Amino acid sequence: MATKFLLSFLLISCYVLSISAEKETGFVGSVDPKSLSYKKKHTLSHFKFYWHEIFSGSNPSSVRIIPPQPKYTTTTSFGSVGIFDNVLTAGPELYSKVVGSAEGLYSATSQKEFALLVISNFVLTEGKYNGSTITFAGRSPIAQKVREMPVIGGTGVFRFARGFVESRTLSFDPQTRNNTIQYDVYIYH
């Protein structure tokens, strides 16, 4: 009961504030949540994806576009930037059922440890999630067994989403840098 009251109070407050903001600025207006397919009932879901990042071969799925600063080439790769379009599968094997792709970029942002800033869209292609995306961004210190980053939004089924992802490296080849990472996505949508 208190939750419904609080939600109603917040919606009314936002509406009143948006009306006054619209009058002051001329470019802000209120929106009926239903017009954006916003539903009051939310779901907390857990998705498990396997990301396969391929740096080797003639068709890599991840490419470094800016090399690290010379001082950091062997320690933290500080300053390097890359982009990726990695396959997401339902199982840890590369030949498992493909359920989407991970598109985004990474940058080595720490001078002290190998830690990446990762910005990613999980573009889903299966079932009722086909065409929907989950977007997350955050710090990923690679040496940690489990890394956590926030879900910052999504599209389609995941409009107004929030939550977090946990990533774990399952395999890494030091020669090719190819790797498989398990992503557990906990998302409130």
Protein backbone atom coordinates (compact mmCIF):
# COMPACT_ATOMS: atom_id res chain seq x y z
CA MET A 1 0.00 0.00 0.00
CA ALA A 2 2.79 2.40 0.94
CA THR A 3 4.62 1.54 -2.30
CA LYS A 4 1.56 2.39 -4.42
CA PHE A 5 1.13 5.66 -2.53
CA LEU A 6 4.80 6.53 -3.00
CA LEU A 7 4.70 5.69 -6.72
CA SER A 8 1.52 7.76 -7.19
CA PHE A 9 3.06 10.66 -5.28
CA LEU A 10 6.23 10.50 -7.39
CA LEU A 11 4.29 10.36 -10.67
CA ILE A 12 2.11 13.33 -9.67
CA SER A 13 5.18 15.28 -8.51
CA CYS A 14 6.99 14.57 -11.78
CA TYR A 15 3.91 15.67 -13.72
CA VAL A 16 3.61 18.93 -11.78
CA LEU A 17 7.34 19.62 -12.14
CA SER A 18 7.26 18.87 -15.88
CA ILE A 19 4.33 21.26 -16.39
CA SER A 20 6.20 24.06 -14.66
CA ALA A 21 9.41 23.18 -16.52
CA GLU A 22 7.56 23.26 -19.85
CA LYS A 23 6.24 26.74 -19.12
CA GLU A 24 9.72 27.96 -18.13
CA THR A 25 11.74 26.41 -20.95
CA GLY A 26 9.36 25.67 -23.80
CA PHE A 27 11.05 22.35 -24.61
CA VAL A 28 10.00 20.00 -21.80
CA GLY A 29 6.63 18.30 -21.70
CA SER A 30 4.88 15.56 -19.80
CA VAL A 31 4.36 12.10 -21.28
CA ASP A 32 1.71 9.53 -20.57
CA PRO A 33 3.70 6.41 -19.50
CA LYS A 34 1.23 4.17 -21.38
CA SER A 35 2.16 5.86 -24.66
CA LEU A 36 5.69 4.46 -24.22
CA SER A 37 4.48 0.94 -23.39
CA TYR A 38 5.44 1.49 -19.76
CA LYS A 39 3.74 -1.09 -17.60
CA LYS A 40 3.38 -0.84 -13.86
CA LYS A 41 4.11 -4.51 -13.21
CA HIS A 42 7.83 -5.21 -13.38
CA THR A 43 9.78 -8.42 -13.74
CA LEU A 44 13.17 -9.32 -12.30
CA SER A 45 14.89 -11.66 -14.77
CA HIS A 46 18.20 -13.51 -14.78
CA PHE A 47 19.83 -14.15 -18.15
CA LYS A 48 23.01 -16.17 -18.66
CA PHE A 49 24.98 -15.44 -21.82
CA TYR A 50 28.38 -16.58 -23.08
CA TRP A 51 30.43 -13.98 -24.91
CA HIS A 52 33.02 -15.21 -27.40
CA GLU A 53 35.66 -12.62 -28.21
CA ILE A 54 37.90 -13.45 -31.17
CA PHE A 55 41.00 -11.35 -31.85
CA SER A 56 42.67 -13.82 -34.24
CA GLY A 57 42.00 -14.99 -37.78
CA SER A 58 40.77 -13.21 -40.87
CA ASN A 59 37.44 -12.09 -39.34
CA PRO A 60 38.06 -11.01 -35.73
CA SER A 61 35.06 -9.99 -33.60
CA SER A 62 37.16 -7.60 -31.50
CA VAL A 63 39.65 -5.08 -32.85
CA ARG A 64 42.00 -2.71 -31.06
CA ILE A 65 41.68 0.65 -32.81
CA ILE A 66 44.08 2.68 -30.63
CA PRO A 67 47.21 1.04 -29.17
CA PRO A 68 48.24 1.56 -25.54
CA GLN A 69 50.64 4.28 -24.50
CA PRO A 70 54.22 2.92 -24.96
CA LYS A 71 54.97 3.04 -21.24
CA TYR A 72 51.99 0.72 -20.51
CA THR A 73 52.10 -1.79 -23.38
CA THR A 74 53.06 -4.75 -21.19
CA THR A 75 51.49 -3.79 -17.87
CA THR A 76 48.01 -2.24 -18.07
CA SER A 77 47.51 -1.36 -21.76
CA PHE A 78 46.54 2.10 -20.51
CA GLY A 79 45.13 4.25 -23.31
CA SER A 80 44.18 1.45 -25.66
CA VAL A 81 40.71 1.48 -27.21
CA GLY A 82 38.91 -1.30 -29.02
CA ILE A 83 35.55 -2.15 -30.51
CA PHE A 84 33.73 -5.46 -30.59
CA ASP A 85 30.83 -7.31 -32.15
CA ASN A 86 31.00 -10.61 -30.29
CA VAL A 87 28.59 -13.51 -30.58
CA LEU A 88 26.43 -14.35 -27.53
CA THR A 89 25.49 -18.00 -27.07
CA ALA A 90 23.29 -20.01 -24.72
CA GLY A 91 26.18 -22.29 -23.73
CA PRO A 92 29.92 -21.86 -23.14
CA GLU A 93 30.92 -23.57 -26.40
CA LEU A 94 31.33 -21.38 -29.49
CA TYR A 95 29.07 -23.75 -31.42
CA SER A 96 26.23 -23.36 -28.87
CA LYS A 97 22.94 -21.76 -29.94
CA VAL A 98 23.46 -18.11 -30.87
CA VAL A 99 21.05 -15.85 -28.94
CA GLY A 100 22.44 -12.44 -29.90
CA SER A 101 25.52 -10.29 -30.14
CA ALA A 102 27.48 -7.97 -27.88
CA GLU A 103 28.30 -4.70 -29.62
CA GLY A 104 30.34 -1.98 -28.02
CA LEU A 105 33.70 -0.60 -27.08
CA TYR A 106 36.31 -0.91 -24.38
CA SER A 107 39.16 1.24 -23.18
CA ALA A 108 41.99 0.49 -20.76
CA THR A 109 41.51 3.30 -18.27
CA SER A 110 43.78 2.45 -15.32
CA GLN A 111 47.50 3.09 -15.02
CA LYS A 112 47.77 0.76 -12.00
CA GLU A 113 45.97 -2.42 -13.11
CA PHE A 114 44.47 -3.95 -16.22
CA ALA A 115 40.94 -2.52 -15.94
CA LEU A 116 38.62 -1.69 -18.79
CA LEU A 117 35.79 0.75 -19.22
CA VAL A 118 33.22 -1.34 -21.11
CA ILE A 119 30.20 0.10 -22.90
CA SER A 120 28.04 -2.61 -24.42
CA ASN A 121 24.69 -3.41 -25.99
CA PHE A 122 23.53 -7.01 -25.85
CA VAL A 123 21.41 -7.26 -28.99
CA LEU A 124 19.09 -10.23 -28.55
CA THR A 125 17.73 -12.34 -31.43
CA GLU A 126 15.67 -15.09 -29.79
CA GLY A 127 11.98 -15.43 -28.94
CA LYS A 128 10.09 -12.52 -27.42
CA TYR A 129 13.43 -10.76 -26.83
CA ASN A 130 14.26 -10.61 -30.56
CA GLY A 131 15.21 -7.02 -31.39
CA SER A 132 15.48 -5.91 -27.77
CA THR A 133 18.74 -4.67 -26.28
CA ILE A 134 20.28 -4.53 -22.82
CA THR A 135 22.78 -1.71 -22.30
CA PHE A 136 25.43 -1.66 -19.61
CA ALA A 137 28.52 0.40 -18.93
CA GLY A 138 31.14 0.27 -16.23
CA ARG A 139 34.57 -0.65 -14.94
CA SER A 140 35.81 -4.19 -15.47
CA PRO A 141 39.04 -5.00 -13.54
CA ILE A 142 40.07 -8.09 -15.50
CA ALA A 143 42.15 -9.69 -12.71
CA GLN A 144 39.07 -10.01 -10.47
CA LYS A 145 37.29 -13.35 -10.66
CA VAL A 146 33.85 -11.68 -10.79
CA ARG A 147 33.35 -8.21 -12.22
CA GLU A 148 30.15 -6.21 -11.78
CA MET A 149 28.78 -3.44 -13.99
CA PRO A 150 25.43 -1.60 -13.95
CA VAL A 151 22.65 -2.08 -16.49
CA ILE A 152 21.85 1.46 -17.56
CA GLY A 153 18.88 0.80 -19.84
CA GLY A 154 17.57 -1.06 -22.82
CA THR A 155 15.13 -1.08 -25.71
CA GLY A 156 12.10 -3.14 -26.69
CA VAL A 157 11.16 -5.47 -23.83
CA PHE A 158 13.81 -3.74 -21.71
CA ARG A 159 12.61 -0.12 -21.88
CA PHE A 160 13.31 1.62 -18.54
CA ALA A 161 15.42 -1.38 -17.44
CA ARG A 162 17.89 -1.31 -14.59
CA GLY A 163 20.03 -3.92 -12.89
CA PHE A 164 23.55 -5.26 -13.04
CA VAL A 165 25.75 -7.76 -14.86
CA GLU A 166 28.40 -10.06 -13.44
CA SER A 167 31.12 -11.31 -15.76
CA ARG A 168 33.52 -14.22 -15.27
CA THR A 169 36.31 -15.23 -17.63
CA LEU A 170 35.92 -18.91 -18.47
CA SER A 171 38.80 -19.24 -20.92
CA PHE A 172 41.62 -17.06 -22.21
CA ASP A 173 44.33 -17.88 -24.76
CA PRO A 174 47.40 -15.68 -24.04
CA GLN A 175 48.74 -16.17 -27.59
CA THR A 176 45.62 -15.05 -29.47
CA ARG A 177 43.84 -13.19 -26.61
CA ASN A 178 40.66 -15.03 -27.65
CA ASN A 179 38.39 -15.52 -24.67
CA THR A 180 35.02 -16.75 -23.45
CA ILE A 181 33.24 -14.82 -20.73
CA GLN A 182 30.09 -15.77 -18.85
CA TYR A 183 27.69 -12.88 -18.32
CA ASP A 184 24.96 -13.17 -15.69
CA VAL A 185 22.48 -10.34 -16.24
CA TYR A 186 20.06 -9.47 -13.45
CA ILE A 187 17.58 -7.04 -14.90
CA TYR A 188 14.48 -5.35 -13.56
CA HIS A 189 12.17 -4.52 -16.48
